[in-house]
């Protein structure tokens, strides 16, 4: 059974080793050395976890059919053996963003920021899955969790993508961002 609910648990266990946790804006997360990802209809609890971030997959809200078709055609799947690097980008936008109407947010996303157009330049090298946290509760510590997986040779491209996205109009509305870089733990 597939589920749309994902929990990212930072602690001392899991197949991903935390290589770096950088605070881009706002408050940090407690330190963690490993990351476990759980996908289930129930929210797992791990009393040993330093933190648990939850999100749910949903429909793409700021793309038109043509863009969605391009994304689906280009995007690689998660879990590829050669994709041993990953990043979890956790973002919370400010109240000014959420006070905007859907069409105002869409205009910033598409016409001013060109978010999707920028991202499409980096696929298929990068695989990603977006999780909406606000759909679970407005009290979640982040609004969005984006999970990326890529090969070590694609790290420079990933860094360029993230730098480009942080320079667009939309990022003026980000009040909290934590960038967690990971490497698949080999036993």
N, C-alpha and C. Protein backbone atom coordinates (compact mmCIF):
# COMPACT_ATOMS: atom_id res chain seq x y z
N UNK A 1 0.85 -1.19 0.00
CA UNK A 1 0.00 0.00 0.00
C UNK A 1 0.88 1.24 0.00
N UNK A 2 0.62 2.14 -0.91
CA UNK A 2 1.41 3.36 -0.92
C UNK A 2 0.71 4.41 -0.07
N UNK A 3 1.49 5.29 0.46
CA UNK A 3 0.94 6.33 1.30
C UNK A 3 1.51 7.67 0.87
N UNK A 4 0.85 8.71 1.27
CA UNK A 4 1.30 10.06 0.96
C UNK A 4 1.95 10.72 2.16
N UNK A 5 1.86 10.11 3.33
CA UNK A 5 2.39 10.70 4.56
C UNK A 5 3.82 10.20 4.79
N UNK A 6 4.73 11.14 4.97
CA UNK A 6 6.13 10.81 5.21
C UNK A 6 6.61 11.50 6.48
N UNK A 7 7.46 10.79 7.23
CA UNK A 7 8.10 11.35 8.42
C UNK A 7 9.60 11.24 8.24
N UNK A 8 10.28 12.34 8.47
CA UNK A 8 11.73 12.39 8.41
C UNK A 8 12.21 12.52 9.85
N UNK A 9 12.93 11.49 10.33
CA UNK A 9 13.32 11.45 11.74
C UNK A 9 14.84 11.57 11.86
N UNK A 10 15.27 12.68 12.44
CA UNK A 10 16.69 12.91 12.67
C UNK A 10 17.08 12.37 14.03
N UNK A 11 18.12 11.56 14.07
CA UNK A 11 18.56 10.97 15.33
C UNK A 11 19.86 10.21 15.14
N UNK A 12 19.92 9.01 15.72
CA UNK A 12 21.13 8.19 15.65
C UNK A 12 20.96 6.95 14.78
N UNK A 13 19.81 6.80 14.13
CA UNK A 13 19.58 5.63 13.29
C UNK A 13 19.05 6.05 11.93
N UNK A 14 19.18 5.15 10.98
CA UNK A 14 18.66 5.39 9.64
C UNK A 14 19.72 5.18 8.59
N UNK A 15 19.28 4.98 7.36
CA UNK A 15 20.22 4.69 6.27
C UNK A 15 20.96 5.90 5.72
N UNK A 16 20.59 7.08 6.14
CA UNK A 16 21.25 8.29 5.64
C UNK A 16 22.07 8.93 6.75
N UNK A 17 23.35 9.19 6.47
CA UNK A 17 24.25 9.88 7.40
C UNK A 17 24.17 11.38 7.12
N UNK A 18 23.98 12.17 8.16
CA UNK A 18 23.92 13.62 8.01
C UNK A 18 25.35 14.13 7.83
N UNK A 19 25.62 14.68 6.67
CA UNK A 19 26.94 15.23 6.37
C UNK A 19 27.03 16.69 6.83
N UNK A 20 25.89 17.41 6.75
CA UNK A 20 25.88 18.83 7.12
C UNK A 20 24.45 19.28 7.34
N UNK A 21 24.26 20.12 8.34
CA UNK A 21 22.97 20.79 8.57
C UNK A 21 23.26 22.28 8.63
N UNK A 22 22.77 23.01 7.62
CA UNK A 22 23.00 24.46 7.56
C UNK A 22 21.69 25.21 7.75
N UNK A 23 21.73 26.21 8.60
CA UNK A 23 20.59 27.10 8.77
C UNK A 23 20.75 28.23 7.76
N UNK A 24 19.80 28.35 6.89
CA UNK A 24 19.81 29.43 5.90
C UNK A 24 19.06 30.63 6.46
N UNK A 25 17.98 30.37 7.16
CA UNK A 25 17.19 31.44 7.79
C UNK A 25 16.45 30.85 8.99
N UNK A 26 16.30 31.66 10.03
CA UNK A 26 15.52 31.24 11.19
C UNK A 26 16.27 30.32 12.14
N UNK A 27 15.50 29.53 12.85
CA UNK A 27 16.01 28.67 13.91
C UNK A 27 16.57 27.35 13.37
N UNK A 28 17.61 26.83 14.02
CA UNK A 28 18.15 25.52 13.61
C UNK A 28 17.29 24.38 14.14
N UNK A 29 17.58 23.20 13.66
CA UNK A 29 17.04 21.97 14.23
C UNK A 29 18.09 21.41 15.18
N UNK A 30 17.70 20.62 16.17
CA UNK A 30 18.69 19.96 17.01
C UNK A 30 19.60 19.06 16.17
N UNK A 31 20.80 18.86 16.64
CA UNK A 31 21.78 18.04 15.91
C UNK A 31 21.29 16.61 15.77
N UNK A 32 21.61 16.00 14.66
CA UNK A 32 21.30 14.60 14.40
C UNK A 32 22.41 14.04 13.52
N UNK A 33 22.76 12.78 13.72
CA UNK A 33 23.81 12.18 12.92
C UNK A 33 23.27 11.32 11.78
N UNK A 34 22.02 10.88 11.90
CA UNK A 34 21.43 10.01 10.89
C UNK A 34 20.00 10.43 10.60
N UNK A 35 19.46 9.92 9.50
CA UNK A 35 18.09 10.22 9.12
C UNK A 35 17.37 8.94 8.70
N UNK A 36 16.20 8.77 9.26
CA UNK A 36 15.30 7.67 8.90
C UNK A 36 14.08 8.30 8.24
N UNK A 37 13.58 7.67 7.17
CA UNK A 37 12.38 8.14 6.50
C UNK A 37 11.34 7.05 6.62
N UNK A 38 10.18 7.42 7.12
CA UNK A 38 9.08 6.46 7.26
C UNK A 38 7.92 6.94 6.41
N UNK A 39 7.29 6.01 5.73
CA UNK A 39 6.11 6.30 4.93
C UNK A 39 5.02 5.36 5.37
N UNK A 40 3.99 5.92 5.98
CA UNK A 40 2.90 5.08 6.46
C UNK A 40 1.66 5.92 6.69
N UNK A 41 0.55 5.26 6.88
CA UNK A 41 -0.67 5.99 7.16
C UNK A 41 -0.72 6.47 8.61
N UNK A 42 0.14 5.91 9.45
CA UNK A 42 0.26 6.32 10.84
C UNK A 42 1.54 7.14 11.02
N UNK A 43 1.50 8.07 11.92
CA UNK A 43 2.69 8.87 12.20
C UNK A 43 3.55 8.09 13.19
N UNK A 44 4.75 7.67 12.77
CA UNK A 44 5.57 6.90 13.69
C UNK A 44 6.10 7.78 14.81
N UNK A 45 6.36 7.18 15.93
CA UNK A 45 6.97 7.92 17.02
C UNK A 45 8.31 7.27 17.32
N UNK A 46 9.29 8.09 17.52
CA UNK A 46 10.62 7.61 17.86
C UNK A 46 11.09 8.47 19.03
N UNK A 47 10.98 7.97 20.25
CA UNK A 47 11.37 8.78 21.41
C UNK A 47 12.85 9.14 21.42
N UNK A 48 13.65 8.42 20.61
CA UNK A 48 15.08 8.71 20.55
C UNK A 48 15.41 9.77 19.50
N UNK A 49 14.48 10.13 18.65
CA UNK A 49 14.73 11.10 17.58
C UNK A 49 14.93 12.50 18.15
N UNK A 50 15.89 13.23 17.60
CA UNK A 50 16.10 14.62 17.98
C UNK A 50 14.98 15.50 17.41
N UNK A 51 14.45 15.10 16.26
CA UNK A 51 13.35 15.81 15.63
C UNK A 51 12.64 14.90 14.64
N UNK A 52 11.37 15.20 14.40
CA UNK A 52 10.56 14.50 13.40
C UNK A 52 9.85 15.57 12.58
N UNK A 53 10.07 15.56 11.27
CA UNK A 53 9.39 16.47 10.36
C UNK A 53 8.43 15.66 9.51
N UNK A 54 7.19 16.14 9.40
CA UNK A 54 6.17 15.39 8.69
C UNK A 54 5.65 16.19 7.51
N UNK A 55 5.34 15.46 6.45
CA UNK A 55 4.74 16.10 5.28
C UNK A 55 3.94 15.11 4.48
N UNK A 56 3.11 15.64 3.63
CA UNK A 56 2.25 14.79 2.81
C UNK A 56 2.43 15.20 1.34
N UNK A 57 2.51 14.20 0.48
CA UNK A 57 2.59 14.51 -0.94
C UNK A 57 1.22 14.95 -1.41
N UNK A 58 1.21 15.81 -2.42
CA UNK A 58 -0.04 16.38 -2.90
C UNK A 58 0.09 16.69 -4.38
N UNK A 59 -0.95 17.24 -4.94
CA UNK A 59 -0.89 17.67 -6.33
C UNK A 59 0.02 18.89 -6.46
N UNK A 60 0.57 19.07 -7.67
CA UNK A 60 1.38 20.26 -7.92
C UNK A 60 0.43 21.45 -8.03
N UNK A 61 0.70 22.48 -7.26
CA UNK A 61 -0.24 23.59 -7.17
C UNK A 61 0.12 24.78 -8.03
N UNK A 62 1.35 24.86 -8.47
CA UNK A 62 1.77 26.05 -9.21
C UNK A 62 2.29 25.71 -10.60
N UNK A 63 1.81 24.64 -11.19
CA UNK A 63 2.22 24.29 -12.55
C UNK A 63 0.99 24.09 -13.43
N UNK A 64 1.18 24.35 -14.71
CA UNK A 64 0.14 24.07 -15.70
C UNK A 64 0.44 22.70 -16.30
N UNK A 65 -0.50 22.14 -17.06
CA UNK A 65 -0.37 20.78 -17.59
C UNK A 65 0.93 20.60 -18.37
N UNK A 66 1.29 21.54 -19.22
CA UNK A 66 2.52 21.41 -20.03
C UNK A 66 3.75 21.28 -19.13
N UNK A 67 3.82 22.11 -18.09
CA UNK A 67 4.96 22.03 -17.17
C UNK A 67 4.95 20.69 -16.43
N UNK A 68 3.79 20.27 -16.00
CA UNK A 68 3.70 18.99 -15.28
C UNK A 68 4.15 17.85 -16.18
N UNK A 69 3.76 17.88 -17.44
CA UNK A 69 4.18 16.84 -18.39
C UNK A 69 5.70 16.84 -18.55
N UNK A 70 6.30 18.02 -18.60
CA UNK A 70 7.76 18.13 -18.72
C UNK A 70 8.44 17.56 -17.47
N UNK A 71 7.91 17.87 -16.31
CA UNK A 71 8.48 17.38 -15.06
C UNK A 71 8.41 15.85 -15.02
N UNK A 72 7.23 15.30 -15.31
CA UNK A 72 7.05 13.86 -15.27
C UNK A 72 7.98 13.17 -16.26
N UNK A 73 8.13 13.75 -17.44
CA UNK A 73 8.99 13.15 -18.48
C UNK A 73 10.46 13.17 -18.09
N UNK A 74 10.88 14.17 -17.36
CA UNK A 74 12.30 14.33 -17.04
C UNK A 74 12.71 13.75 -15.69
N UNK A 75 11.82 13.77 -14.73
CA UNK A 75 12.19 13.45 -13.35
C UNK A 75 12.54 11.98 -13.18
N UNK A 76 13.69 11.74 -12.59
CA UNK A 76 14.10 10.38 -12.26
C UNK A 76 13.43 9.94 -10.97
N UNK A 77 13.35 8.63 -10.80
CA UNK A 77 12.76 8.09 -9.59
C UNK A 77 13.71 8.15 -8.41
N UNK A 78 13.15 8.13 -7.23
CA UNK A 78 13.93 8.08 -6.00
C UNK A 78 14.39 6.64 -5.76
N UNK A 79 15.43 6.48 -4.96
CA UNK A 79 15.90 5.15 -4.58
C UNK A 79 16.85 4.50 -5.55
N UNK A 80 17.37 5.26 -6.52
CA UNK A 80 18.34 4.69 -7.46
C UNK A 80 19.63 4.38 -6.71
N UNK A 81 20.24 3.21 -6.94
CA UNK A 81 21.46 2.84 -6.21
C UNK A 81 22.61 3.83 -6.38
N UNK A 82 22.73 4.44 -7.55
CA UNK A 82 23.83 5.37 -7.80
C UNK A 82 23.61 6.74 -7.15
N UNK A 83 22.40 7.04 -6.73
CA UNK A 83 22.09 8.32 -6.09
C UNK A 83 22.37 8.20 -4.60
N UNK A 84 23.62 8.32 -4.23
CA UNK A 84 24.04 8.12 -2.83
C UNK A 84 24.06 9.42 -2.03
N UNK A 85 23.79 10.53 -2.67
CA UNK A 85 23.71 11.82 -1.97
C UNK A 85 22.26 12.27 -1.94
N UNK A 86 21.91 12.99 -0.89
CA UNK A 86 20.54 13.49 -0.74
C UNK A 86 20.56 14.82 -0.01
N UNK A 87 19.46 15.52 -0.13
CA UNK A 87 19.27 16.77 0.62
C UNK A 87 17.81 16.85 1.04
N UNK A 88 17.61 17.29 2.25
CA UNK A 88 16.28 17.59 2.75
C UNK A 88 16.27 19.09 3.01
N UNK A 89 15.47 19.81 2.23
CA UNK A 89 15.36 21.25 2.37
C UNK A 89 14.01 21.54 3.03
N UNK A 90 14.07 22.08 4.24
CA UNK A 90 12.87 22.37 5.03
C UNK A 90 12.65 23.88 5.02
N UNK A 91 11.45 24.29 4.60
CA UNK A 91 11.16 25.72 4.42
C UNK A 91 9.84 26.09 5.09
N UNK A 92 9.87 27.25 5.73
CA UNK A 92 8.64 27.85 6.25
C UNK A 92 8.56 29.26 5.67
N UNK A 93 7.42 29.58 5.08
CA UNK A 93 7.23 30.92 4.52
C UNK A 93 6.52 31.79 5.56
N UNK A 94 6.68 33.09 5.40
CA UNK A 94 6.13 34.02 6.39
C UNK A 94 4.64 34.27 6.17
N UNK A 95 4.05 34.97 7.11
CA UNK A 95 2.61 35.25 7.05
C UNK A 95 2.24 36.08 5.83
N UNK A 96 3.14 36.93 5.37
CA UNK A 96 2.85 37.74 4.18
C UNK A 96 2.59 36.84 2.97
N UNK A 97 3.32 35.74 2.85
CA UNK A 97 3.10 34.80 1.75
C UNK A 97 1.71 34.18 1.84
N UNK A 98 1.34 33.74 3.03
CA UNK A 98 0.06 33.06 3.21
C UNK A 98 -1.11 34.03 3.18
N UNK A 99 -0.85 35.33 3.35
CA UNK A 99 -1.91 36.33 3.24
C UNK A 99 -2.25 36.64 1.78
N UNK A 100 -1.34 36.28 0.87
CA UNK A 100 -1.59 36.49 -0.55
C UNK A 100 -2.66 35.52 -1.03
N UNK A 101 -3.37 35.90 -2.05
CA UNK A 101 -4.34 34.99 -2.66
C UNK A 101 -3.57 33.95 -3.49
N UNK A 102 -4.25 32.88 -3.85
CA UNK A 102 -3.62 31.83 -4.66
C UNK A 102 -3.07 32.39 -5.96
N UNK A 103 -3.83 33.27 -6.64
CA UNK A 103 -3.34 33.82 -7.91
C UNK A 103 -2.15 34.76 -7.70
N UNK A 104 -2.08 35.45 -6.57
CA UNK A 104 -0.91 36.30 -6.29
C UNK A 104 0.33 35.43 -6.04
N UNK A 105 0.16 34.35 -5.30
CA UNK A 105 1.30 33.43 -5.07
C UNK A 105 1.73 32.80 -6.39
N UNK A 106 0.77 32.41 -7.20
CA UNK A 106 1.08 31.82 -8.50
C UNK A 106 1.85 32.80 -9.37
N UNK A 107 1.48 34.04 -9.36
CA UNK A 107 2.18 35.06 -10.15
C UNK A 107 3.63 35.20 -9.69
N UNK A 108 3.84 35.24 -8.40
CA UNK A 108 5.21 35.33 -7.88
C UNK A 108 5.99 34.09 -8.27
N UNK A 109 5.40 32.93 -8.08
CA UNK A 109 6.04 31.64 -8.36
C UNK A 109 6.42 31.52 -9.83
N UNK A 110 5.49 31.85 -10.73
CA UNK A 110 5.70 31.61 -12.16
C UNK A 110 6.27 32.82 -12.89
N UNK A 111 5.62 33.96 -12.76
CA UNK A 111 5.95 35.10 -13.61
C UNK A 111 7.13 35.91 -13.10
N UNK A 112 7.30 35.99 -11.77
CA UNK A 112 8.41 36.76 -11.23
C UNK A 112 9.61 35.88 -10.91
N UNK A 113 9.36 34.71 -10.36
CA UNK A 113 10.45 33.86 -9.90
C UNK A 113 10.86 32.79 -10.91
N UNK A 114 9.95 32.34 -11.75
CA UNK A 114 10.23 31.28 -12.72
C UNK A 114 10.76 30.02 -12.04
N UNK A 115 10.16 29.69 -10.91
CA UNK A 115 10.59 28.56 -10.08
C UNK A 115 10.67 27.25 -10.88
N UNK A 116 9.58 26.90 -11.55
CA UNK A 116 9.54 25.63 -12.29
C UNK A 116 10.53 25.64 -13.44
N UNK A 117 10.63 26.73 -14.15
CA UNK A 117 11.56 26.84 -15.28
C UNK A 117 13.00 26.62 -14.81
N UNK A 118 13.35 27.19 -13.69
CA UNK A 118 14.70 27.00 -13.13
C UNK A 118 14.91 25.53 -12.78
N UNK A 119 13.94 24.93 -12.08
CA UNK A 119 14.07 23.54 -11.68
C UNK A 119 14.20 22.58 -12.85
N UNK A 120 13.44 22.82 -13.92
CA UNK A 120 13.48 21.93 -15.08
C UNK A 120 14.86 21.86 -15.73
N UNK A 121 15.67 22.89 -15.55
CA UNK A 121 17.02 22.89 -16.11
C UNK A 121 17.90 21.82 -15.48
N UNK A 122 17.54 21.37 -14.29
CA UNK A 122 18.39 20.45 -13.53
C UNK A 122 17.87 19.01 -13.51
N UNK A 123 16.77 18.76 -14.18
CA UNK A 123 16.27 17.40 -14.29
C UNK A 123 16.73 16.86 -15.65
N UNK A 124 17.08 15.62 -15.79
CA UNK A 124 16.77 14.51 -14.91
C UNK A 124 17.87 14.16 -13.91
N UNK A 125 18.92 14.94 -13.82
CA UNK A 125 20.03 14.59 -12.93
C UNK A 125 19.62 14.51 -11.47
N UNK A 126 18.63 15.28 -11.09
CA UNK A 126 18.18 15.31 -9.70
C UNK A 126 16.79 14.70 -9.59
N UNK A 127 16.60 13.85 -8.61
CA UNK A 127 15.27 13.31 -8.33
C UNK A 127 14.73 14.05 -7.11
N UNK A 128 13.43 14.32 -7.09
CA UNK A 128 12.88 15.06 -5.95
C UNK A 128 11.44 14.66 -5.67
N UNK A 129 11.05 14.91 -4.42
CA UNK A 129 9.66 14.72 -4.01
C UNK A 129 9.33 15.83 -3.02
N UNK A 130 8.25 16.54 -3.29
CA UNK A 130 7.81 17.65 -2.44
C UNK A 130 6.77 17.17 -1.45
N UNK A 131 6.91 17.61 -0.20
CA UNK A 131 5.96 17.27 0.87
C UNK A 131 5.39 18.56 1.43
N UNK A 132 4.07 18.60 1.56
CA UNK A 132 3.39 19.76 2.13
C UNK A 132 3.13 19.48 3.61
N UNK A 133 3.63 20.32 4.47
CA UNK A 133 3.44 20.15 5.92
C UNK A 133 2.21 20.91 6.39
N UNK A 134 1.95 22.03 5.78
CA UNK A 134 0.84 22.89 6.18
C UNK A 134 -0.50 22.18 5.98
N UNK A 135 -0.53 21.19 5.07
CA UNK A 135 -1.75 20.42 4.86
C UNK A 135 -2.08 19.55 6.07
N UNK A 136 -1.07 19.23 6.87
CA UNK A 136 -1.28 18.45 8.09
C UNK A 136 -1.73 19.35 9.23
N UNK A 137 -1.05 20.50 9.35
CA UNK A 137 -1.35 21.44 10.42
C UNK A 137 -0.55 22.72 10.20
N UNK A 138 -1.14 23.84 10.53
CA UNK A 138 -0.40 25.11 10.45
C UNK A 138 0.63 25.20 11.57
N UNK A 139 0.60 24.26 12.51
CA UNK A 139 1.55 24.27 13.62
C UNK A 139 2.81 23.45 13.35
N UNK A 140 2.92 22.85 12.16
CA UNK A 140 4.15 22.14 11.82
C UNK A 140 5.28 23.17 11.76
N UNK A 141 6.51 22.76 12.07
CA UNK A 141 7.61 23.73 12.08
C UNK A 141 7.99 24.26 10.69
N UNK A 142 7.59 23.54 9.64
CA UNK A 142 7.89 23.96 8.27
C UNK A 142 6.62 23.82 7.42
N UNK A 143 6.59 24.54 6.31
CA UNK A 143 5.47 24.45 5.37
C UNK A 143 5.74 23.43 4.28
N UNK A 144 7.01 23.28 3.90
CA UNK A 144 7.40 22.39 2.81
C UNK A 144 8.68 21.65 3.18
N UNK A 145 8.72 20.39 2.78
CA UNK A 145 9.93 19.59 2.87
C UNK A 145 10.19 19.06 1.46
N UNK A 146 11.35 19.37 0.92
CA UNK A 146 11.68 18.83 -0.40
C UNK A 146 12.85 17.88 -0.24
N UNK A 147 12.64 16.65 -0.70
CA UNK A 147 13.64 15.59 -0.63
C UNK A 147 14.25 15.43 -2.02
N UNK A 148 15.56 15.54 -2.10
CA UNK A 148 16.30 15.37 -3.35
C UNK A 148 17.26 14.21 -3.20
N UNK A 149 17.46 13.45 -4.27
CA UNK A 149 18.51 12.43 -4.33
C UNK A 149 19.28 12.65 -5.62
N UNK A 150 20.61 12.45 -5.55
CA UNK A 150 21.44 12.67 -6.72
C UNK A 150 22.76 11.92 -6.57
N UNK A 151 23.42 11.75 -7.70
CA UNK A 151 24.73 11.11 -7.70
C UNK A 151 25.76 12.12 -7.19
N UNK A 152 26.86 11.63 -6.59
CA UNK A 152 27.90 12.55 -6.10
C UNK A 152 28.42 13.51 -7.18
N UNK A 153 28.46 13.07 -8.43
CA UNK A 153 28.94 13.92 -9.52
C UNK A 153 27.98 15.07 -9.83
N UNK A 154 26.77 15.03 -9.29
CA UNK A 154 25.78 16.07 -9.53
C UNK A 154 25.68 17.09 -8.40
N UNK A 155 26.58 16.99 -7.43
CA UNK A 155 26.50 17.90 -6.28
C UNK A 155 26.65 19.37 -6.69
N UNK A 156 27.55 19.66 -7.61
CA UNK A 156 27.74 21.05 -8.05
C UNK A 156 26.46 21.58 -8.72
N UNK A 157 25.82 20.74 -9.53
CA UNK A 157 24.57 21.14 -10.17
C UNK A 157 23.49 21.39 -9.13
N UNK A 158 23.44 20.52 -8.12
CA UNK A 158 22.44 20.73 -7.06
C UNK A 158 22.69 22.04 -6.32
N UNK A 159 23.94 22.31 -5.99
CA UNK A 159 24.28 23.56 -5.30
C UNK A 159 23.90 24.77 -6.15
N UNK A 160 24.10 24.67 -7.46
CA UNK A 160 23.74 25.77 -8.36
C UNK A 160 22.22 25.97 -8.38
N UNK A 161 21.48 24.87 -8.45
CA UNK A 161 20.01 24.96 -8.42
C UNK A 161 19.53 25.67 -7.16
N UNK A 162 20.03 25.24 -6.02
CA UNK A 162 19.59 25.82 -4.75
C UNK A 162 19.97 27.31 -4.68
N UNK A 163 21.16 27.66 -5.14
CA UNK A 163 21.58 29.07 -5.14
C UNK A 163 20.66 29.91 -6.04
N UNK A 164 20.32 29.39 -7.20
CA UNK A 164 19.43 30.12 -8.11
C UNK A 164 18.05 30.32 -7.48
N UNK A 165 17.53 29.28 -6.84
CA UNK A 165 16.20 29.40 -6.23
C UNK A 165 16.21 30.36 -5.04
N UNK A 166 17.30 30.40 -4.31
CA UNK A 166 17.36 31.32 -3.17
C UNK A 166 17.51 32.77 -3.59
N UNK A 167 17.77 33.03 -4.86
CA UNK A 167 17.95 34.39 -5.35
C UNK A 167 16.68 34.96 -5.99
N UNK A 168 15.61 34.17 -6.07
CA UNK A 168 14.40 34.63 -6.74
C UNK A 168 13.46 35.37 -5.78
N UNK A 169 12.50 36.05 -6.37
CA UNK A 169 11.53 36.86 -5.62
C UNK A 169 10.81 36.04 -4.54
N UNK A 170 10.45 34.83 -4.87
CA UNK A 170 9.70 33.98 -3.93
C UNK A 170 10.43 33.79 -2.61
N UNK A 171 11.77 33.73 -2.65
CA UNK A 171 12.53 33.45 -1.42
C UNK A 171 12.53 34.62 -0.45
N UNK A 172 12.04 35.77 -0.86
CA UNK A 172 11.90 36.89 0.07
C UNK A 172 10.85 36.58 1.13
N UNK A 173 10.02 35.57 0.88
CA UNK A 173 8.95 35.20 1.81
C UNK A 173 9.37 34.05 2.74
N UNK A 174 10.58 33.57 2.61
CA UNK A 174 11.05 32.46 3.46
C UNK A 174 11.54 33.02 4.79
N UNK A 175 10.94 32.53 5.90
CA UNK A 175 11.37 32.98 7.23
C UNK A 175 12.22 31.94 7.93
N UNK A 176 12.13 30.68 7.48
CA UNK A 176 12.93 29.62 8.09
C UNK A 176 13.31 28.62 7.01
N UNK A 177 14.59 28.30 6.96
CA UNK A 177 15.07 27.28 6.03
C UNK A 177 16.24 26.55 6.64
N UNK A 178 16.16 25.24 6.62
CA UNK A 178 17.26 24.39 7.06
C UNK A 178 17.59 23.46 5.90
N UNK A 179 18.86 23.42 5.56
CA UNK A 179 19.38 22.63 4.44
C UNK A 179 20.19 21.47 5.03
N UNK A 180 19.68 20.27 4.89
CA UNK A 180 20.32 19.08 5.46
C UNK A 180 20.88 18.24 4.32
N UNK A 181 22.19 18.05 4.30
CA UNK A 181 22.84 17.25 3.26
C UNK A 181 23.17 15.88 3.84
N UNK A 182 22.95 14.86 3.03
CA UNK A 182 23.07 13.48 3.51
C UNK A 182 23.82 12.59 2.53
N UNK A 183 24.36 11.53 3.06
CA UNK A 183 25.02 10.49 2.26
C UNK A 183 24.47 9.17 2.71
N UNK A 184 24.12 8.32 1.75
CA UNK A 184 23.58 7.01 2.11
C UNK A 184 24.63 6.24 2.90
N UNK A 185 24.22 5.77 4.05
CA UNK A 185 25.12 5.06 4.97
C UNK A 185 25.38 3.67 4.42
N UNK A 186 26.64 3.34 4.34
CA UNK A 186 27.01 2.00 3.86
C UNK A 186 27.46 1.16 5.03
N UNK A 187 26.91 -0.04 5.13
CA UNK A 187 27.26 -0.92 6.23
C UNK A 187 28.39 -1.84 5.84
